[in-house]
PDB file of N, CA and C in Angstrom:
ATOM      1  N   MET A   1       1.020  -0.965   0.287  1.00  0.00           N
ATOM      2  CA  MET A   1       0.086  -0.281  -0.018  1.00  0.00           C
ATOM      3  C   MET A   1       1.068   1.145  -0.010  1.00  0.00           C
ATOM      4  N   ILE A   2       1.760   1.396   0.790  1.00  0.00           N
ATOM      5  CA  ILE A   2       2.803   2.268   1.031  1.00  0.00           C
ATOM      6  C   ILE A   2       4.007   2.170   0.235  1.00  0.00           C
ATOM      7  N   ASN A   3       4.903   2.741  -0.958  1.00  0.00           N
ATOM      8  CA  ASN A   3       5.989   1.813  -1.074  1.00  0.00           C
ATOM      9  C   ASN A   3       7.202   2.324   0.017  1.00  0.00           C
ATOM     10  N   LEU A   4       8.350   1.860  -0.620  1.00  0.00           N
ATOM     11  CA  LEU A   4       9.297   2.282   0.577  1.00  0.00           C
ATOM     12  C   LEU A   4       9.802   3.647   0.715  1.00  0.00           C
ATOM     13  N   ARG A   5       9.485   4.439  -0.414  1.00  0.00           N
ATOM     14  CA  ARG A   5       9.748   6.053  -0.459  1.00  0.00           C
ATOM     15  C   ARG A   5       8.523   6.823   0.127  1.00  0.00           C
ATOM     16  N   GLY A   6       7.469   6.083   0.956  1.00  0.00           N
ATOM     17  CA  GLY A   6       6.714   6.847   1.436  1.00  0.00           C
ATOM     18  C   GLY A   6       5.190   7.390   0.690  1.00  0.00           C
ATOM     19  N   GLU A   7       5.163   7.003  -0.577  1.00  0.00           N
ATOM     20  CA  GLU A   7       4.131   7.600  -1.139  1.00  0.00           C
ATOM     21  C   GLU A   7       2.789   6.445  -1.317  1.00  0.00           C
ATOM     22  N   ILE A   8       1.698   7.259  -1.385  1.00  0.00           N
ATOM     23  CA  ILE A   8       0.550   6.216  -1.135  1.00  0.00           C
ATOM     24  C   ILE A   8       0.335   5.937  -2.634  1.00  0.00           C
ATOM     25  N   THR A   9       0.036   4.312  -2.743  1.00  0.00           N
ATOM     26  CA  THR A   9      -0.318   3.986  -4.045  1.00  0.00           C
ATOM     27  C   THR A   9      -1.860   4.077  -4.597  1.00  0.00           C
ATOM     28  N   VAL A  10      -1.764   3.631  -5.842  1.00  0.00           N
ATOM     29  CA  VAL A  10      -2.944   3.845  -6.739  1.00  0.00           C
ATOM     30  C   VAL A  10      -4.268   3.101  -5.686  1.00  0.00           C
ATOM     31  N   GLY A  11      -4.001   1.745  -5.341  1.00  0.00           N
ATOM     32  CA  GLY A  11      -4.532   1.036  -4.976  1.00  0.00           C
ATOM     33  C   GLY A  11      -5.160   1.462  -3.727  1.00  0.00           C
ATOM     34  N   LEU A  12      -4.465   2.049  -2.618  1.00  0.00           N
ATOM     35  CA  LEU A  12      -4.797   2.635  -1.431  1.00  0.00           C
ATOM     36  C   LEU A  12      -5.896   4.249  -1.645  1.00  0.00           C
ATOM     37  N   THR A  13      -5.374   4.813  -2.610  1.00  0.00           N
ATOM     38  CA  THR A  13      -5.989   6.080  -3.042  1.00  0.00           C
ATOM     39  C   THR A  13      -7.448   5.517  -3.533  1.00  0.00           C
ATOM     40  N   ILE A  14      -7.223   4.622  -4.435  1.00  0.00           N
ATOM     41  CA  ILE A  14      -8.950   3.987  -5.114  1.00  0.00           C
ATOM     42  C   ILE A  14      -9.664   3.790  -3.542  1.00  0.00           C
ATOM     43  N   ALA A  15      -9.364   2.767  -2.814  1.00  0.00           N
ATOM     44  CA  ALA A  15     -10.344   2.463  -1.533  1.00  0.00           C
ATOM     45  C   ALA A  15     -10.366   3.425  -0.598  1.00  0.00           C
ATOM     46  N   LEU A  16      -9.876   4.520  -0.466  1.00  0.00           N
ATOM     47  CA  LEU A  16      -9.908   5.390   0.528  1.00  0.00           C
ATOM     48  C   LEU A  16     -11.262   6.299  -0.485  1.00  0.00           C
ATOM     49  N   VAL A  17     -11.008   6.503  -1.501  1.00  0.00           N
ATOM     50  CA  VAL A  17     -12.365   7.230  -2.370  1.00  0.00           C
ATOM     51  C   VAL A  17     -13.840   6.486  -2.269  1.00  0.00           C
ATOM     52  N   ILE A  18     -13.525   5.253  -2.422  1.00  0.00           N
ATOM     53  CA  ILE A  18     -14.541   4.512  -2.406  1.00  0.00           C
ATOM     54  C   ILE A  18     -15.356   4.643  -1.029  1.00  0.00           C
ATOM     55  N   LEU A  19     -14.407   4.297  -0.065  1.00  0.00           N
ATOM     56  CA  LEU A  19     -14.824   4.418   1.647  1.00  0.00           C
ATOM     57  C   LEU A  19     -15.370   5.990   1.786  1.00  0.00           C
ATOM     58  N   GLY A  20     -14.917   6.842   1.192  1.00  0.00           N
ATOM     59  CA  GLY A  20     -15.577   8.012   1.459  1.00  0.00           C
ATOM     60  C   GLY A  20     -16.862   7.993   0.904  1.00  0.00           C
ATOM     61  N   ILE A  21     -16.725   7.818  -0.374  1.00  0.00           N
ATOM     62  CA  ILE A  21     -18.646   7.451  -0.845  1.00  0.00           C
ATOM     63  C   ILE A  21     -19.314   7.247  -0.116  1.00  0.00           C
ATOM     64  N   LEU A  22     -19.038   6.077   0.377  1.00  0.00           N
ATOM     65  CA  LEU A  22     -19.933   5.037   0.852  1.00  0.00           C
ATOM     66  C   LEU A  22     -20.143   6.057   2.514  1.00  0.00           C
ATOM     67  N   VAL A  23     -19.623   6.166   3.071  1.00  0.00           N
ATOM     68  CA  VAL A  23     -19.581   7.043   4.128  1.00  0.00           C
ATOM     69  C   VAL A  23     -20.725   7.958   4.195  1.00  0.00           C
ATOM     70  N   GLY A  24     -20.329   8.814   2.881  1.00  0.00           N
ATOM     71  CA  GLY A  24     -21.272  10.112   2.931  1.00  0.00           C
ATOM     72  C   GLY A  24     -22.351   9.786   2.472  1.00  0.00           C
ATOM     73  N   ALA A  25     -22.796   8.770   1.446  1.00  0.00           N
ATOM     74  CA  ALA A  25     -23.900   8.028   1.320  1.00  0.00           C
ATOM     75  C   ALA A  25     -24.542   7.868   2.460  1.00  0.00           C
ATOM     76  N   LEU A  26     -23.999   7.271   3.278  1.00  0.00           N
ATOM     77  CA  LEU A  26     -24.648   6.575   4.697  1.00  0.00           C
ATOM     78  C   LEU A  26     -25.162   7.818   5.516  1.00  0.00           C
ATOM     79  N   ILE A  27     -24.312   8.816   5.655  1.00  0.00           N
ATOM     80  CA  ILE A  27     -24.644  10.019   6.214  1.00  0.00           C
ATOM     81  C   ILE A  27     -25.831  10.836   5.770  1.00  0.00           C
ATOM     82  N   GLY A  28     -25.692  10.868   4.290  1.00  0.00           N
ATOM     83  CA  GLY A  28     -26.669  11.717   3.991  1.00  0.00           C
ATOM     84  C   GLY A  28     -28.081  10.729   3.916  1.00  0.00           C
ATOM     85  N   PHE A  29     -27.912   9.864   3.872  1.00  0.00           N
ATOM     86  CA  PHE A  29     -29.401   8.646   3.915  1.00  0.00           C
ATOM     87  C   PHE A  29     -29.891   9.235   5.192  1.00  0.00           C
ATOM     88  N   PHE A  30     -29.274   8.733   6.554  1.00  0.00           N
ATOM     89  CA  PHE A  30     -29.833   9.147   7.538  1.00  0.00           C
ATOM     90  C   PHE A  30     -29.858  10.634   7.730  1.00  0.00           C
ATOM     91  N   GLY A  31     -29.287  11.420   7.599  1.00  0.00           N
ATOM     92  CA  GLY A  31     -29.451  12.413   7.646  1.00  0.00           C
ATOM     93  C   GLY A  31     -30.690  13.251   7.318  1.00  0.00           C
ATOM     94  N   ALA A  32     -31.024  12.760   6.076  1.00  0.00           N
ATOM     95  CA  ALA A  32     -31.987  13.444   5.417  1.00  0.00           C
ATOM     96  C   ALA A  32     -33.504  12.557   5.835  1.00  0.00           C
ATOM     97  N   ARG A  33     -33.372  10.980   6.120  1.00  0.00           N
ATOM     98  CA  ARG A  33     -34.386  10.627   6.958  1.00  0.00           C
ATOM     99  C   ARG A  33     -34.932  11.355   8.160  1.00  0.00           C
ATOM    100  N   ARG A  34     -33.932  11.500   8.948  1.00  0.00           N
ATOM    101  CA  ARG A  34     -34.192  12.132  10.295  1.00  0.00           C
ATOM    102  C   ARG A  34     -34.824  13.607   9.748  1.00  0.00           C
ATOM    103  N   TYR A  35     -34.526  14.230   8.938  1.00  0.00           N
ATOM    104  CA  TYR A  35     -35.071  15.767   8.363  1.00  0.00           C
ATOM    105  C   TYR A  35     -36.698  15.506   8.005  1.00  0.00           C
ATOM    106  N   MET A  36     -36.920  14.542   7.206  1.00  0.00           N
ATOM    107  CA  MET A  36     -38.190  14.522   6.960  1.00  0.00           C
ATOM    108  C   MET A  36     -38.839  14.012   7.840  1.00  0.00           C
ATOM    109  N   GLU A  37     -38.769  13.039   9.090  1.00  0.00           N
ATOM    110  CA  GLU A  37     -39.191  12.493  10.037  1.00  0.00           C
ATOM    111  C   GLU A  37     -39.910  13.911  10.757  1.00  0.00           C
ATOM    112  N   ASN A  38     -38.781  14.676  11.294  1.00  0.00           N
ATOM    113  CA  ASN A  38     -39.074  15.856  11.929  1.00  0.00           C
ATOM    114  C   ASN A  38     -39.789  17.160  10.925  1.00  0.00           C
ATOM    115  N   TYR A  39     -39.833  16.896   9.737  1.00  0.00           N
ATOM    116  CA  TYR A  39     -41.002  17.688   8.922  1.00  0.00           C
ATOM    117  C   TYR A  39     -42.466  17.070   9.152  1.00  0.00           C
ATOM    118  N   LEU A  40     -42.467  16.124   8.859  1.00  0.00           N
ATOM    119  CA  LEU A  40     -43.491  15.656   8.797  1.00  0.00           C
ATOM    120  C   LEU A  40     -44.073  15.799  10.468  1.00  0.00           C
ATOM    121  N   ARG A  41     -43.550  15.642  10.903  1.00  0.00           N
ATOM    122  CA  ARG A  41     -44.255  15.802  12.991  1.00  0.00           C
ATOM    123  C   ARG A  41     -44.090  16.908  12.817  1.00  0.00           C
ATOM    124  N   ASN A  42     -43.834  17.982  12.599  1.00  0.00           N
ATOM    125  CA  ASN A  42     -44.323  19.517  12.301  1.00  0.00           C
ATOM    126  C   ASN A  42     -45.350  19.956  11.890  1.00  0.00           C
ATOM    127  N   ASN A  43     -45.217  19.290  10.543  1.00  0.00           N
ATOM    128  CA  ASN A  43     -46.024  19.990   9.019  1.00  0.00           C
ATOM    129  C   ASN A  43     -46.618  18.603   8.747  1.00  0.00           C
ATOM    130  N   PRO A  44     -48.048  17.729   9.497  1.00  0.00           N
ATOM    131  CA  PRO A  44     -48.395  16.973   9.441  1.00  0.00           C
ATOM    132  C   PRO A  44     -49.324  17.289   7.609  1.00  0.00           C
ATOM    133  N   PRO A  45     -49.621  16.111   6.616  1.00  0.00           N
ATOM    134  CA  PRO A  45     -49.816  16.394   5.579  1.00  0.00           C
ATOM    135  C   PRO A  45     -51.488  16.831   5.472  1.00  0.00           C
ATOM    136  N   ILE A  46     -51.759  16.465   6.712  1.00  0.00           N
ATOM    137  CA  ILE A  46     -53.389  16.832   7.107  1.00  0.00           C
ATOM    138  C   ILE A  46     -53.374  17.971   8.258  1.00  0.00           C
ATOM    139  N   SER A  47     -54.285  18.966   7.807  1.00  0.00           N
ATOM    140  CA  SER A  47     -54.834  20.290   8.617  1.00  0.00           C
ATOM    141  C   SER A  47     -55.991  19.902   9.400  1.00  0.00           C
ATOM    142  N   GLU A  48     -56.348  21.103  10.642  1.00  0.00           N
ATOM    143  CA  GLU A  48     -57.419  20.947  10.789  1.00  0.00           C
ATOM    144  C   GLU A  48     -58.459  21.660   9.737  1.00  0.00           C
ATOM    145  N   ASP A  49     -58.272  22.381   9.058  1.00  0.00           N
ATOM    146  CA  ASP A  49     -59.175  22.997   7.831  1.00  0.00           C
ATOM    147  C   ASP A  49     -59.471  21.863   6.808  1.00  0.00           C
ATOM    148  N   MET A  50     -58.596  20.894   6.832  1.00  0.00           N
ATOM    149  CA  MET A  50     -59.012  19.622   5.598  1.00  0.00           C
ATOM    150  C   MET A  50     -59.807  18.813   6.271  1.00  0.00           C
ATOM    151  N   LEU A  51     -59.458  19.093   7.652  1.00  0.00           N
ATOM    152  CA  LEU A  51     -60.411  17.575   8.423  1.00  0.00           C
ATOM    153  C   LEU A  51     -61.994  18.479   8.821  1.00  0.00           C
ATOM    154  N   ARG A  52     -61.967  19.714   8.713  1.00  0.00           N
ATOM    155  CA  ARG A  52     -63.307  20.413   8.890  1.00  0.00           C
ATOM    156  C   ARG A  52     -64.322  20.055   7.338  1.00  0.00           C
ATOM    157  N   THR A  53     -63.354  20.369   6.412  1.00  0.00           N
ATOM    158  CA  THR A  53     -63.620  20.598   4.998  1.00  0.00           C
ATOM    159  C   THR A  53     -64.235  19.053   4.847  1.00  0.00           C
ATOM    160  N   MET A  54     -63.562  17.931   5.535  1.00  0.00           N
ATOM    161  CA  MET A  54     -64.163  16.647   5.132  1.00  0.00           C
ATOM    162  C   MET A  54     -65.134  16.336   5.680  1.00  0.00           C
ATOM    163  N   MET A  55     -65.587  16.979   6.632  1.00  0.00           N
ATOM    164  CA  MET A  55     -66.830  16.524   8.097  1.00  0.00           C
ATOM    165  C   MET A  55     -67.682  17.220   7.353  1.00  0.00           C
ATOM    166  N   LEU A  56     -67.797  18.546   6.373  1.00  0.00           N
ATOM    167  CA  LEU A  56     -68.754  19.210   6.059  1.00  0.00           C
ATOM    168  C   LEU A  56     -69.140  18.567   5.094  1.00  0.00           C
ATOM    169  N   GLN A  57     -68.540  17.864   4.080  1.00  0.00           N
ATOM    170  CA  GLN A  57     -68.619  17.336   3.149  1.00  0.00           C
ATOM    171  C   GLN A  57     -69.361  15.771   3.206  1.00  0.00           C
ATOM    172  N   MET A  58     -69.207  15.023   4.499  1.00  0.00           N
ATOM    173  CA  MET A  58     -69.628  13.765   5.304  1.00  0.00           C
ATOM    174  C   MET A  58     -71.091  14.453   5.711  1.00  0.00           C
ATOM    175  N   GLY A  59     -71.626  15.641   5.976  1.00  0.00           N
ATOM    176  CA  GLY A  59     -72.843  15.912   6.484  1.00  0.00           C
ATOM    177  C   GLY A  59     -72.694  16.229   7.699  1.00  0.00           C
ATOM    178  N   GLN A  60     -71.493  16.442   8.260  1.00  0.00           N
ATOM    179  CA  GLN A  60     -71.504  16.089   9.968  1.00  0.00           C
ATOM    180  C   GLN A  60     -70.976  17.988  10.455  1.00  0.00           C
ATOM    181  N   LYS A  61     -71.359  18.322  11.290  1.00  0.00           N
ATOM    182  CA  LYS A  61     -70.867  19.955  11.481  1.00  0.00           C
ATOM    183  C   LYS A  61     -69.789  19.720  12.709  1.00  0.00           C
ATOM    184  N   PRO A  62     -68.558  20.340  12.164  1.00  0.00           N
ATOM    185  CA  PRO A  62     -67.356  19.994  12.942  1.00  0.00           C
ATOM    186  C   PRO A  62     -66.987  20.951  14.219  1.00  0.00           C
ATOM    187  N   SER A  63     -67.089  20.792  15.339  1.00  0.00           N
ATOM    188  CA  SER A  63     -66.926  21.364  16.418  1.00  0.00           C
ATOM    189  C   SER A  63     -65.202  21.634  16.872  1.00  0.00           C
ATOM    190  N   ASP A  64     -64.707  22.757  17.144  1.00  0.00           N
ATOM    191  CA  ASP A  64     -63.441  22.762  17.345  1.00  0.00           C
ATOM    192  C   ASP A  64     -63.158  21.700  18.537  1.00  0.00           C
ATOM    193  N   ARG A  65     -63.825  21.459  19.278  1.00  0.00           N
ATOM    194  CA  ARG A  65     -63.504  20.175  20.066  1.00  0.00           C
ATOM    195  C   ARG A  65     -63.274  18.880  19.585  1.00  0.00           C
ATOM    196  N   LYS A  66     -63.878  18.528  18.488  1.00  0.00           N
ATOM    197  CA  LYS A  66     -63.836  17.197  17.739  1.00  0.00           C
ATOM    198  C   LYS A  66     -62.465  17.339  16.903  1.00  0.00           C
ATOM    199  N   LEU A  67     -62.304  18.250  16.310  1.00  0.00           N
ATOM    200  CA  LEU A  67     -61.600  18.236  15.311  1.00  0.00           C
ATOM    201  C   LEU A  67     -60.250  18.431  16.189  1.00  0.00           C
ATOM    202  N   HIS A  68     -59.762  19.352  17.222  1.00  0.00           N
ATOM    203  CA  HIS A  68     -58.704  18.952  18.109  1.00  0.00           C
ATOM    204  C   HIS A  68     -58.641  17.327  18.128  1.00  0.00           C
ATOM    205  N   GLN A  69     -59.663  16.833  18.851  1.00  0.00           N
ATOM    206  CA  GLN A  69     -59.507  15.389  19.077  1.00  0.00           C
ATOM    207  C   GLN A  69     -59.194  14.819  17.942  1.00  0.00           C
ATOM    208  N   MET A  70     -59.503  14.636  16.775  1.00  0.00           N
ATOM    209  CA  MET A  70     -59.172  14.068  15.492  1.00  0.00           C
ATOM    210  C   MET A  70     -57.646  14.429  15.187  1.00  0.00           C
ATOM    211  N   MET A  71     -57.169  15.336  15.578  1.00  0.00           N
ATOM    212  CA  MET A  71     -55.917  15.974  14.791  1.00  0.00           C
ATOM    213  C   MET A  71     -54.814  15.080  15.934  1.00  0.00           C
ATOM    214  N   GLN A  72     -55.368  15.258  17.514  1.00  0.00           N
ATOM    215  CA  GLN A  72     -54.433  14.323  18.479  1.00  0.00           C
ATOM    216  C   GLN A  72     -54.652  12.664  18.322  1.00  0.00           C
ATOM    217  N   THR A  73     -55.503  12.354  17.703  1.00  0.00           N
ATOM    218  CA  THR A  73     -55.488  10.849  17.610  1.00  0.00           C
ATOM    219  C   THR A  73     -55.015  10.769  16.806  1.00  0.00           C
ATOM    220  N   MET A  74     -54.906  11.366  15.434  1.00  0.00           N
ATOM    221  CA  MET A  74     -53.733  11.243  14.201  1.00  0.00           C
ATOM    222  C   MET A  74     -52.225  11.147  14.857  1.00  0.00           C
ATOM    223  N   LYS A  75     -52.008  12.105  15.218  1.00  0.00           N
ATOM    224  CA  LYS A  75     -50.623  12.460  15.759  1.00  0.00           C
ATOM    225  C   LYS A  75     -50.064  11.471  16.664  1.00  0.00           C
ATOM    226  N   SER A  76     -50.835  11.025  17.613  1.00  0.00           N
ATOM    227  CA  SER A  76     -50.855   9.548  18.634  1.00  0.00           C
ATOM    228  C   SER A  76     -50.493   8.536  17.622  1.00  0.00           C
ATOM    229  N   GLN A  77     -51.343   8.297  16.338  1.00  0.00           N
ATOM    230  CA  GLN A  77     -51.127   7.064  15.718  1.00  0.00           C
ATOM    231  C   GLN A  77     -49.928   7.332  14.925  1.00  0.00           C
ATOM    232  N   ALA A  78     -49.516   8.754  14.487  1.00  0.00           N
ATOM    233  CA  ALA A  78     -48.135   8.575  13.607  1.00  0.00           C
ATOM    234  C   ALA A  78     -47.124   8.190  14.428  1.00  0.00           C
ATOM    235  N   LYS A  79     -47.528   8.579  16.172  1.00  0.00           N
ATOM    236  CA  LYS A  79     -46.120   8.112  17.056  1.00  0.00           C
ATOM    237  C   LYS A  79     -45.794   6.776  17.167  1.00  0.00           C
ATOM    238  N   ARG A  80     -47.519   5.910  17.132  1.00  0.00           N
ATOM    239  CA  ARG A  80     -46.901   4.954  17.253  1.00  0.00           C
ATOM    240  C   ARG A  80     -46.451   4.064  16.233  1.00  0.00           C
ATOM    241  N   ALA A  81     -46.586   4.805  14.893  1.00  0.00           N
ATOM    242  CA  ALA A  81     -46.435   3.838  13.989  1.00  0.00           C
ATOM    243  C   ALA A  81     -44.777   4.234  13.384  1.00  0.00           C
ATOM    244  N   ASN A  82     -44.654   5.243  14.172  1.00  0.00           N
ATOM    245  CA  ASN A  82     -43.097   5.267  13.720  1.00  0.00           C
ATOM    246  C   ASN A  82     -42.153   4.576  14.692  1.00  0.00           C
ATOM    247  N   ARG A  83     -42.720   4.287  15.780  1.00  0.00           N
ATOM    248  CA  ARG A  83     -42.056   3.390  17.141  1.00  0.00           C
ATOM    249  C   ARG A  83     -41.745   2.229  16.314  1.00  0.00           C
ATOM    250  N   LYS A  84     -42.616   1.476  15.604  1.00  0.00           N
ATOM    251  CA  LYS A  84     -42.553  -0.114  14.915  1.00  0.00           C
ATOM    252  C   LYS A  84     -41.560  -0.006  14.184  1.00  0.00           C
TER     253      LYS A  84
END
C-alpha cells in the first residue's frame, strides 16, 4: 500500500475514495431521513382546515373540540407507527 519512499499507491487511493463515498452516502441517507421525519411531525400532511372540510362534505357539523381530538388521535397514531 505504501511503497518504500512513503508514497501512497493507487490502490490505497481508490479504496479511500470508495470508502469516503460510502460513508458520505450513509450520512446523507440517515440525515435526510431524520429531517423528513421531523418535518412531517411538525407539519402533518393534513390540517384542521382539511378535516373541517371533509367533515362538512360528509354532512357532519365539525366542532373545534372534535377537530382537535381528531388531530391528537392522528398524531398519536403516527407516533405509534414510527416506533414500530
